[in-house]
């Protein structure tokens, strides 16, 4: 059985107060639970409508991060292959990457994992072959920002209610 640290009914001295403060500070550290908010991947999407779609359908600048996945959806199943080019060009270095996909169905998903830098240009083009005419093309890619482009905020659980109230108040 553990011996008590201090005798009962004795005077309160500096040693006793110091010990109690140490125990309390340890308990407080352990009891502070935090919550972290994380930014999910951000979709970059486009829908192109027309009588005979061919060529560039999306061209945009992106910041440093990773393009993780891409999806292409056609209005109808093509009779022959549809070529989809995805180009990423770094305007500063002039170095680029092109990925070409040949699609034979209405929906195609690709795992890309392409690193991009600030100011990179993302361009997506479609080229039907044969007598196919594309009338609707939907394209979306998921872009995950690099760590220094993400806002990570930590809150104590006790503070979280106040943060949510402020966010809701600002949204009105």
N, C-alpha and C. Protein backbone atom coordinates (compact mmCIF):
# COMPACT_ATOMS: atom_id res chain seq x y z
N UNK A 1 0.83 -1.18 0.00
CA UNK A 1 0.00 0.00 0.00
C UNK A 1 0.88 1.24 0.00
N UNK A 2 0.50 2.22 -0.83
CA UNK A 2 1.32 3.42 -0.97
C UNK A 2 1.14 4.33 0.24
N UNK A 3 2.26 4.86 0.69
CA UNK A 3 2.25 5.79 1.82
C UNK A 3 1.74 7.16 1.36
N UNK A 4 0.96 7.86 2.15
CA UNK A 4 0.52 9.20 1.75
C UNK A 4 1.72 10.13 1.63
N UNK A 5 1.63 11.04 0.68
CA UNK A 5 2.73 11.99 0.46
C UNK A 5 2.90 12.93 1.65
N UNK A 6 1.78 13.29 2.25
CA UNK A 6 1.82 14.24 3.37
C UNK A 6 0.95 13.69 4.50
N UNK A 7 1.34 13.99 5.67
CA UNK A 7 0.56 13.61 6.85
C UNK A 7 -0.69 14.48 6.91
N UNK A 8 -1.81 13.88 7.32
CA UNK A 8 -3.04 14.64 7.45
C UNK A 8 -2.94 15.58 8.64
N UNK A 9 -3.67 16.66 8.52
CA UNK A 9 -3.76 17.67 9.57
C UNK A 9 -2.41 18.28 9.92
N UNK A 10 -1.56 18.44 8.90
CA UNK A 10 -0.30 19.13 9.12
C UNK A 10 -0.38 20.48 8.42
N UNK A 11 0.56 21.33 8.71
CA UNK A 11 0.53 22.66 8.10
C UNK A 11 0.83 22.57 6.60
N UNK A 12 0.29 23.53 5.88
CA UNK A 12 0.51 23.59 4.43
C UNK A 12 1.76 24.42 4.21
N UNK A 13 2.79 23.77 3.66
CA UNK A 13 4.04 24.48 3.40
C UNK A 13 4.31 24.55 1.89
N UNK A 14 5.40 25.19 1.52
CA UNK A 14 5.76 25.37 0.11
C UNK A 14 5.93 24.05 -0.62
N UNK A 15 6.52 23.08 0.03
CA UNK A 15 6.74 21.78 -0.61
C UNK A 15 5.41 21.14 -0.98
N UNK A 16 4.45 21.22 -0.09
CA UNK A 16 3.14 20.62 -0.32
C UNK A 16 2.41 21.36 -1.45
N UNK A 17 2.47 22.66 -1.46
CA UNK A 17 1.82 23.46 -2.50
C UNK A 17 2.45 23.18 -3.85
N UNK A 18 3.77 23.11 -3.90
CA UNK A 18 4.48 22.84 -5.14
C UNK A 18 4.09 21.48 -5.70
N UNK A 19 3.97 20.47 -4.83
CA UNK A 19 3.60 19.14 -5.28
C UNK A 19 2.17 19.15 -5.85
N UNK A 20 1.26 19.81 -5.18
CA UNK A 20 -0.13 19.88 -5.65
C UNK A 20 -0.20 20.59 -7.00
N UNK A 21 0.56 21.66 -7.17
CA UNK A 21 0.58 22.38 -8.45
C UNK A 21 1.11 21.49 -9.58
N UNK A 22 2.12 20.69 -9.30
CA UNK A 22 2.68 19.78 -10.30
C UNK A 22 1.64 18.76 -10.73
N UNK A 23 0.95 18.17 -9.76
CA UNK A 23 -0.08 17.18 -10.06
C UNK A 23 -1.21 17.81 -10.88
N UNK A 24 -1.64 19.00 -10.49
CA UNK A 24 -2.72 19.69 -11.22
C UNK A 24 -2.31 20.02 -12.65
N UNK A 25 -1.09 20.49 -12.85
CA UNK A 25 -0.67 20.84 -14.20
C UNK A 25 -0.61 19.60 -15.09
N UNK A 26 -0.22 18.45 -14.55
CA UNK A 26 -0.22 17.21 -15.32
C UNK A 26 -1.63 16.78 -15.68
N UNK A 27 -2.54 16.91 -14.75
CA UNK A 27 -3.94 16.54 -15.02
C UNK A 27 -4.56 17.44 -16.08
N UNK A 28 -4.25 18.72 -16.03
CA UNK A 28 -4.80 19.66 -17.00
C UNK A 28 -4.27 19.34 -18.40
N UNK A 29 -2.98 19.04 -18.51
CA UNK A 29 -2.41 18.68 -19.81
C UNK A 29 -3.09 17.47 -20.42
N UNK A 30 -3.36 16.48 -19.58
CA UNK A 30 -3.99 15.26 -20.08
C UNK A 30 -5.45 15.47 -20.46
N UNK A 31 -6.12 16.40 -19.81
CA UNK A 31 -7.55 16.57 -20.04
C UNK A 31 -7.86 17.46 -21.24
N UNK A 32 -6.88 18.16 -21.78
CA UNK A 32 -7.14 19.05 -22.91
C UNK A 32 -7.19 18.25 -24.19
N UNK A 33 -8.38 18.02 -24.68
CA UNK A 33 -8.56 17.30 -25.94
C UNK A 33 -8.76 18.33 -27.04
N UNK A 34 -8.12 18.06 -28.16
CA UNK A 34 -8.24 18.99 -29.28
C UNK A 34 -8.87 18.29 -30.47
N UNK A 35 -9.33 19.10 -31.39
CA UNK A 35 -9.86 18.59 -32.64
C UNK A 35 -9.12 19.33 -33.75
N UNK A 36 -8.79 18.62 -34.81
CA UNK A 36 -8.06 19.20 -35.92
C UNK A 36 -8.94 19.16 -37.16
N UNK A 37 -8.99 20.27 -37.87
CA UNK A 37 -9.74 20.29 -39.13
C UNK A 37 -8.75 20.08 -40.27
N UNK A 38 -9.13 19.29 -41.25
CA UNK A 38 -8.25 18.96 -42.36
C UNK A 38 -8.98 19.30 -43.66
N UNK A 39 -8.25 19.85 -44.60
CA UNK A 39 -8.83 20.20 -45.89
C UNK A 39 -8.87 18.97 -46.80
N UNK A 40 -10.05 18.60 -47.29
CA UNK A 40 -10.14 17.45 -48.21
C UNK A 40 -9.67 17.85 -49.61
N UNK A 41 -9.49 16.87 -50.50
CA UNK A 41 -9.15 17.21 -51.89
C UNK A 41 -10.23 18.11 -52.50
N UNK A 42 -9.82 18.98 -53.39
CA UNK A 42 -10.72 19.94 -54.01
C UNK A 42 -10.97 19.54 -55.45
N UNK A 43 -12.26 19.42 -55.85
CA UNK A 43 -12.54 19.05 -57.24
C UNK A 43 -12.39 20.24 -58.18
N UNK A 44 -11.81 19.99 -59.34
CA UNK A 44 -11.76 20.96 -60.44
C UNK A 44 -12.57 20.31 -61.56
N UNK A 45 -13.71 20.90 -61.90
CA UNK A 45 -14.64 20.24 -62.80
C UNK A 45 -15.06 21.15 -63.94
N UNK A 46 -15.51 20.49 -65.02
CA UNK A 46 -16.06 21.21 -66.16
C UNK A 46 -17.07 20.31 -66.85
N UNK A 47 -18.13 20.93 -67.38
CA UNK A 47 -19.10 20.24 -68.22
C UNK A 47 -19.15 20.99 -69.54
N UNK A 48 -18.89 20.29 -70.62
CA UNK A 48 -18.90 20.90 -71.95
C UNK A 48 -20.03 20.31 -72.77
N UNK A 49 -20.87 21.18 -73.32
CA UNK A 49 -21.98 20.77 -74.17
C UNK A 49 -21.76 21.31 -75.57
N UNK A 50 -22.18 20.57 -76.58
CA UNK A 50 -22.03 21.04 -77.96
C UNK A 50 -22.49 19.99 -78.95
N UNK A 51 -22.41 20.34 -80.21
CA UNK A 51 -22.83 19.41 -81.27
C UNK A 51 -21.72 18.44 -81.63
N UNK A 52 -20.47 18.91 -81.59
CA UNK A 52 -19.34 18.08 -81.97
C UNK A 52 -18.11 18.54 -81.18
N UNK A 53 -17.99 18.07 -79.93
CA UNK A 53 -16.93 18.52 -79.03
C UNK A 53 -15.62 17.84 -79.41
N UNK A 54 -14.58 18.65 -79.59
CA UNK A 54 -13.25 18.13 -79.89
C UNK A 54 -12.24 19.20 -79.52
N UNK A 55 -11.14 18.80 -78.88
CA UNK A 55 -10.10 19.75 -78.50
C UNK A 55 -10.12 20.05 -77.01
N UNK A 56 -9.54 21.19 -76.65
CA UNK A 56 -9.40 21.58 -75.25
C UNK A 56 -10.76 21.92 -74.63
N UNK A 57 -11.05 21.31 -73.48
CA UNK A 57 -12.30 21.60 -72.79
C UNK A 57 -12.08 22.22 -71.42
N UNK A 58 -10.84 22.16 -70.92
CA UNK A 58 -10.52 22.77 -69.62
C UNK A 58 -9.08 23.23 -69.65
N UNK A 59 -8.87 24.48 -69.22
CA UNK A 59 -7.52 25.01 -69.08
C UNK A 59 -7.54 25.93 -67.88
N UNK A 60 -6.73 25.61 -66.87
CA UNK A 60 -6.74 26.39 -65.63
C UNK A 60 -5.37 26.36 -64.95
N UNK A 61 -5.12 27.35 -64.11
CA UNK A 61 -3.91 27.40 -63.30
C UNK A 61 -4.15 26.69 -61.98
N UNK A 62 -3.13 26.03 -61.46
CA UNK A 62 -3.25 25.38 -60.16
C UNK A 62 -2.06 25.79 -59.28
N UNK A 63 -2.25 25.62 -57.99
CA UNK A 63 -1.18 25.86 -57.02
C UNK A 63 -0.50 24.54 -56.68
N UNK A 64 0.60 24.64 -55.93
CA UNK A 64 1.37 23.46 -55.57
C UNK A 64 0.51 22.44 -54.84
N UNK A 65 0.65 21.19 -55.25
CA UNK A 65 -0.10 20.10 -54.65
C UNK A 65 0.00 18.86 -55.51
N UNK A 66 -1.03 18.03 -55.43
CA UNK A 66 -1.07 16.79 -56.19
C UNK A 66 -2.46 16.61 -56.80
N UNK A 67 -2.49 16.28 -58.07
CA UNK A 67 -3.75 15.89 -58.70
C UNK A 67 -3.83 14.39 -58.53
N UNK A 68 -4.77 13.95 -57.69
CA UNK A 68 -4.79 12.55 -57.27
C UNK A 68 -5.61 11.64 -58.18
N UNK A 69 -6.79 12.09 -58.59
CA UNK A 69 -7.67 11.25 -59.41
C UNK A 69 -8.34 12.09 -60.47
N UNK A 70 -8.81 11.42 -61.48
CA UNK A 70 -9.57 12.10 -62.52
C UNK A 70 -10.70 11.21 -63.00
N UNK A 71 -11.78 11.84 -63.46
CA UNK A 71 -12.91 11.10 -63.99
C UNK A 71 -13.42 11.81 -65.24
N UNK A 72 -13.76 11.02 -66.24
CA UNK A 72 -14.35 11.54 -67.48
C UNK A 72 -15.66 10.81 -67.69
N UNK A 73 -16.70 11.57 -68.00
CA UNK A 73 -17.99 10.95 -68.28
C UNK A 73 -18.54 11.50 -69.59
N UNK A 74 -18.91 10.59 -70.48
CA UNK A 74 -19.48 10.95 -71.78
C UNK A 74 -20.99 10.72 -71.73
N UNK A 75 -21.73 11.48 -72.55
CA UNK A 75 -23.19 11.33 -72.57
C UNK A 75 -23.61 9.96 -73.08
N UNK A 76 -22.87 9.45 -74.07
CA UNK A 76 -23.21 8.14 -74.66
C UNK A 76 -21.94 7.31 -74.80
N UNK A 77 -22.14 6.00 -74.82
CA UNK A 77 -20.99 5.10 -75.04
C UNK A 77 -20.47 5.30 -76.46
N UNK A 78 -19.18 5.59 -76.61
CA UNK A 78 -18.65 5.82 -77.96
C UNK A 78 -18.56 4.52 -78.76
N UNK A 79 -18.73 4.64 -80.06
CA UNK A 79 -18.61 3.47 -80.94
C UNK A 79 -17.14 3.10 -81.14
N UNK A 80 -16.27 4.12 -81.12
CA UNK A 80 -14.83 3.88 -81.23
C UNK A 80 -14.15 4.64 -80.09
N UNK A 81 -12.86 4.47 -79.96
CA UNK A 81 -12.11 5.04 -78.83
C UNK A 81 -12.12 6.56 -78.87
N UNK A 82 -12.22 7.15 -77.65
CA UNK A 82 -12.11 8.60 -77.49
C UNK A 82 -10.78 8.86 -76.78
N UNK A 83 -9.97 9.72 -77.36
CA UNK A 83 -8.66 10.05 -76.77
C UNK A 83 -8.84 11.24 -75.83
N UNK A 84 -8.35 11.08 -74.60
CA UNK A 84 -8.39 12.16 -73.60
C UNK A 84 -6.94 12.46 -73.21
N UNK A 85 -6.52 13.70 -73.45
CA UNK A 85 -5.17 14.14 -73.06
C UNK A 85 -5.27 15.03 -71.83
N UNK A 86 -4.41 14.74 -70.86
CA UNK A 86 -4.31 15.61 -69.69
C UNK A 86 -2.88 16.12 -69.64
N UNK A 87 -2.72 17.44 -69.78
CA UNK A 87 -1.38 18.05 -69.80
C UNK A 87 -1.21 18.91 -68.57
N UNK A 88 -0.01 18.82 -68.01
CA UNK A 88 0.37 19.72 -66.93
C UNK A 88 1.67 20.36 -67.36
N UNK A 89 1.67 21.70 -67.45
CA UNK A 89 2.84 22.43 -67.90
C UNK A 89 3.26 23.43 -66.84
N UNK A 90 4.52 23.37 -66.45
CA UNK A 90 5.08 24.36 -65.53
C UNK A 90 5.58 25.52 -66.38
N UNK A 91 4.94 26.68 -66.26
CA UNK A 91 5.30 27.83 -67.09
C UNK A 91 6.70 28.38 -66.79
N UNK A 92 7.20 28.17 -65.60
CA UNK A 92 8.52 28.69 -65.23
C UNK A 92 9.63 27.85 -65.84
N UNK A 93 9.53 26.53 -65.66
CA UNK A 93 10.60 25.65 -66.16
C UNK A 93 10.35 25.20 -67.59
N UNK A 94 9.11 25.29 -68.05
CA UNK A 94 8.79 24.82 -69.39
C UNK A 94 8.66 23.31 -69.48
N UNK A 95 8.77 22.63 -68.34
CA UNK A 95 8.67 21.17 -68.32
C UNK A 95 7.21 20.78 -68.15
N UNK A 96 6.79 19.80 -68.92
CA UNK A 96 5.40 19.37 -68.84
C UNK A 96 5.25 17.88 -68.86
N UNK A 97 4.07 17.43 -68.49
CA UNK A 97 3.73 16.01 -68.49
C UNK A 97 2.41 15.87 -69.22
N UNK A 98 2.31 14.89 -70.08
CA UNK A 98 1.05 14.60 -70.76
C UNK A 98 0.69 13.15 -70.53
N UNK A 99 -0.53 12.93 -70.12
CA UNK A 99 -1.05 11.58 -69.98
C UNK A 99 -2.18 11.42 -70.98
N UNK A 100 -2.15 10.33 -71.73
CA UNK A 100 -3.19 10.07 -72.73
C UNK A 100 -3.96 8.82 -72.33
N UNK A 101 -5.28 8.94 -72.38
CA UNK A 101 -6.16 7.82 -72.06
C UNK A 101 -7.08 7.57 -73.25
N UNK A 102 -7.26 6.31 -73.61
CA UNK A 102 -8.19 5.92 -74.67
C UNK A 102 -9.41 5.31 -74.00
N UNK A 103 -10.55 5.95 -74.20
CA UNK A 103 -11.76 5.59 -73.48
C UNK A 103 -12.75 4.91 -74.43
N UNK A 104 -13.30 3.79 -73.97
CA UNK A 104 -14.27 3.06 -74.76
C UNK A 104 -15.60 2.87 -74.02
N UNK A 105 -15.82 3.65 -72.99
CA UNK A 105 -17.06 3.54 -72.19
C UNK A 105 -17.54 4.94 -71.78
N UNK A 106 -18.67 5.00 -71.14
CA UNK A 106 -19.23 6.31 -70.78
C UNK A 106 -18.52 6.94 -69.58
N UNK A 107 -17.96 6.14 -68.70
CA UNK A 107 -17.28 6.70 -67.52
C UNK A 107 -15.93 6.03 -67.35
N UNK A 108 -14.91 6.86 -67.09
CA UNK A 108 -13.55 6.35 -66.90
C UNK A 108 -12.93 7.08 -65.72
N UNK A 109 -12.37 6.34 -64.77
CA UNK A 109 -11.69 6.92 -63.60
C UNK A 109 -10.23 6.52 -63.65
N UNK A 110 -9.34 7.49 -63.42
CA UNK A 110 -7.89 7.23 -63.43
C UNK A 110 -7.26 7.72 -62.14
N UNK A 111 -6.36 6.92 -61.59
CA UNK A 111 -5.52 7.35 -60.46
C UNK A 111 -4.31 8.04 -61.06
N UNK A 112 -4.13 9.32 -60.75
CA UNK A 112 -3.12 10.12 -61.43
C UNK A 112 -1.85 10.36 -60.61
N UNK A 113 -2.00 10.84 -59.40
CA UNK A 113 -0.87 11.17 -58.53
C UNK A 113 0.19 12.02 -59.24
N UNK A 114 -0.24 13.13 -59.80
CA UNK A 114 0.65 14.05 -60.50
C UNK A 114 0.96 15.25 -59.61
N UNK A 115 2.24 15.47 -59.36
CA UNK A 115 2.67 16.63 -58.57
C UNK A 115 2.61 17.88 -59.45
N UNK A 116 2.08 18.96 -58.90
CA UNK A 116 2.02 20.23 -59.61
C UNK A 116 2.63 21.32 -58.75
N UNK A 117 3.16 22.35 -59.40
CA UNK A 117 3.77 23.47 -58.68
C UNK A 117 2.92 24.71 -58.88
N UNK A 118 3.20 25.74 -58.09
CA UNK A 118 2.46 27.01 -58.21
C UNK A 118 2.55 27.51 -59.65
N UNK A 119 1.41 27.83 -60.22
CA UNK A 119 1.38 28.37 -61.57
C UNK A 119 1.40 27.35 -62.68
N UNK A 120 1.32 26.07 -62.33
CA UNK A 120 1.23 25.04 -63.38
C UNK A 120 -0.10 25.18 -64.11
N UNK A 121 -0.07 24.87 -65.40
CA UNK A 121 -1.29 24.92 -66.20
C UNK A 121 -1.79 23.50 -66.40
N UNK A 122 -3.05 23.28 -66.06
CA UNK A 122 -3.71 22.00 -66.27
C UNK A 122 -4.63 22.17 -67.48
N UNK A 123 -4.42 21.32 -68.49
CA UNK A 123 -5.27 21.37 -69.69
C UNK A 123 -5.76 19.97 -70.01
N UNK A 124 -7.06 19.87 -70.24
CA UNK A 124 -7.66 18.58 -70.61
C UNK A 124 -8.34 18.74 -71.97
N UNK A 125 -8.03 17.81 -72.87
CA UNK A 125 -8.57 17.83 -74.23
C UNK A 125 -9.18 16.48 -74.55
N UNK A 126 -10.21 16.49 -75.39
CA UNK A 126 -10.84 15.24 -75.86
C UNK A 126 -10.85 15.22 -77.38
N UNK A 127 -10.63 14.04 -77.94
CA UNK A 127 -10.61 13.87 -79.40
C UNK A 127 -11.35 12.59 -79.76
N UNK A 128 -12.58 12.70 -80.27
CA UNK A 128 -13.27 11.49 -80.70
C UNK A 128 -12.64 10.96 -81.99
N UNK A 129 -12.78 9.67 -82.20
CA UNK A 129 -12.26 9.09 -83.45
C UNK A 129 -13.42 8.50 -84.23
N UNK A 130 -13.16 8.19 -85.47
CA UNK A 130 -14.21 7.63 -86.31
C UNK A 130 -15.30 8.66 -86.55
N UNK A 131 -16.53 8.18 -86.58
CA UNK A 131 -17.67 9.06 -86.85
C UNK A 131 -18.35 9.54 -85.57
N UNK A 132 -17.78 9.20 -84.41
CA UNK A 132 -18.38 9.63 -83.14
C UNK A 132 -18.42 11.15 -83.04
N UNK A 133 -19.53 11.66 -82.52
CA UNK A 133 -19.65 13.08 -82.21
C UNK A 133 -20.01 13.18 -80.73
N UNK A 134 -19.16 13.84 -79.99
CA UNK A 134 -19.42 14.02 -78.56
C UNK A 134 -20.33 15.23 -78.37
N UNK A 135 -21.40 15.05 -77.59
CA UNK A 135 -22.33 16.15 -77.34
C UNK A 135 -22.26 16.64 -75.89
N UNK A 136 -21.70 15.81 -75.01
CA UNK A 136 -21.57 16.21 -73.61
C UNK A 136 -20.38 15.48 -73.01
N UNK A 137 -19.48 16.25 -72.39
CA UNK A 137 -18.31 15.68 -71.72
C UNK A 137 -18.19 16.34 -70.35
N UNK A 138 -18.17 15.51 -69.32
CA UNK A 138 -17.94 15.99 -67.96
C UNK A 138 -16.57 15.49 -67.53
N UNK A 139 -15.77 16.39 -66.96
CA UNK A 139 -14.44 16.03 -66.48
C UNK A 139 -14.26 16.61 -65.10
N UNK A 140 -13.66 15.84 -64.21
CA UNK A 140 -13.36 16.33 -62.88
C UNK A 140 -12.05 15.70 -62.42
N UNK A 141 -11.20 16.49 -61.78
CA UNK A 141 -9.98 15.99 -61.15
C UNK A 141 -9.98 16.43 -59.70
N UNK A 142 -9.35 15.64 -58.86
CA UNK A 142 -9.20 16.00 -57.45
C UNK A 142 -7.81 16.54 -57.22
N UNK A 143 -7.75 17.76 -56.70
CA UNK A 143 -6.48 18.42 -56.41
C UNK A 143 -6.34 18.51 -54.90
N UNK A 144 -5.23 18.00 -54.38
CA UNK A 144 -4.93 18.09 -52.95
C UNK A 144 -3.82 19.10 -52.77
N UNK A 145 -4.07 20.19 -52.03
CA UNK A 145 -3.03 21.20 -51.85
C UNK A 145 -1.86 20.66 -51.03
N UNK A 146 -0.67 21.24 -51.27
CA UNK A 146 0.49 20.84 -50.47
C UNK A 146 0.30 21.36 -49.05
N UNK A 147 1.11 20.85 -48.13
CA UNK A 147 0.94 21.18 -46.71
C UNK A 147 0.98 22.68 -46.43
N UNK A 148 1.84 23.40 -47.14
CA UNK A 148 1.92 24.84 -46.83
C UNK A 148 0.77 25.63 -47.44
N UNK A 149 -0.09 24.97 -48.23
CA UNK A 149 -1.29 25.62 -48.76
C UNK A 149 -2.55 25.24 -47.98
N UNK A 150 -2.39 24.49 -46.89
CA UNK A 150 -3.52 24.04 -46.09
C UNK A 150 -3.55 24.80 -44.77
N UNK A 151 -4.73 25.21 -44.36
CA UNK A 151 -4.91 25.80 -43.04
C UNK A 151 -5.27 24.69 -42.07
N UNK A 152 -4.37 24.41 -41.13
CA UNK A 152 -4.65 23.43 -40.09
C UNK A 152 -4.86 24.20 -38.80
N UNK A 153 -6.02 24.01 -38.21
CA UNK A 153 -6.35 24.73 -36.99
C UNK A 153 -6.70 23.71 -35.92
N UNK A 154 -6.18 23.94 -34.73
CA UNK A 154 -6.49 23.06 -33.61
C UNK A 154 -7.31 23.85 -32.60
N UNK A 155 -8.32 23.20 -32.07
CA UNK A 155 -9.20 23.83 -31.09
C UNK A 155 -9.34 22.89 -29.91
N UNK A 156 -9.45 23.48 -28.73
CA UNK A 156 -9.84 22.69 -27.58
C UNK A 156 -11.31 22.36 -27.76
N UNK A 157 -11.72 21.20 -27.30
CA UNK A 157 -13.12 20.80 -27.43
C UNK A 157 -14.02 21.89 -26.83
N UNK A 158 -13.60 22.47 -25.71
CA UNK A 158 -14.41 23.52 -25.07
C UNK A 158 -14.57 24.73 -25.98
N UNK A 159 -13.57 25.03 -26.81
CA UNK A 159 -13.63 26.19 -27.69
C UNK A 159 -14.42 25.91 -28.97
N UNK A 160 -14.62 24.64 -29.30
CA UNK A 160 -15.22 24.27 -30.57
C UNK A 160 -16.64 24.83 -30.73
N UNK A 161 -17.45 24.78 -29.68
CA UNK A 161 -18.81 25.32 -29.76
C UNK A 161 -18.80 26.79 -30.14
N UNK A 162 -17.89 27.54 -29.58
CA UNK A 162 -17.79 28.98 -29.88
C UNK A 162 -17.37 29.20 -31.33
N UNK A 163 -16.43 28.40 -31.82
CA UNK A 163 -15.98 28.51 -33.21
C UNK A 163 -17.13 28.22 -34.17
N UNK A 164 -17.90 27.16 -33.90
CA UNK A 164 -19.04 26.81 -34.75
C UNK A 164 -20.08 27.92 -34.74
N UNK A 165 -20.37 28.48 -33.57
CA UNK A 165 -21.34 29.58 -33.48
C UNK A 165 -20.89 30.77 -34.33
N UNK A 166 -19.60 31.10 -34.26
CA UNK A 166 -19.07 32.23 -35.06
C UNK A 166 -19.14 31.95 -36.56
N UNK A 167 -18.84 30.71 -36.95
CA UNK A 167 -18.92 30.36 -38.37
C UNK A 167 -20.36 30.46 -38.87
N UNK A 168 -21.30 29.98 -38.08
CA UNK A 168 -22.71 30.05 -38.47
C UNK A 168 -23.19 31.50 -38.52
N UNK A 169 -22.72 32.30 -37.57
CA UNK A 169 -23.09 33.72 -37.54
C UNK A 169 -22.55 34.44 -38.77
N UNK A 170 -21.30 34.13 -39.17
CA UNK A 170 -20.70 34.76 -40.33
C UNK A 170 -21.37 34.30 -41.63
N UNK A 171 -21.90 33.08 -41.65
CA UNK A 171 -22.51 32.55 -42.86
C UNK A 171 -23.87 33.19 -43.15
N UNK A 172 -24.49 33.78 -42.15
CA UNK A 172 -25.82 34.37 -42.35
C UNK A 172 -25.75 35.67 -43.04
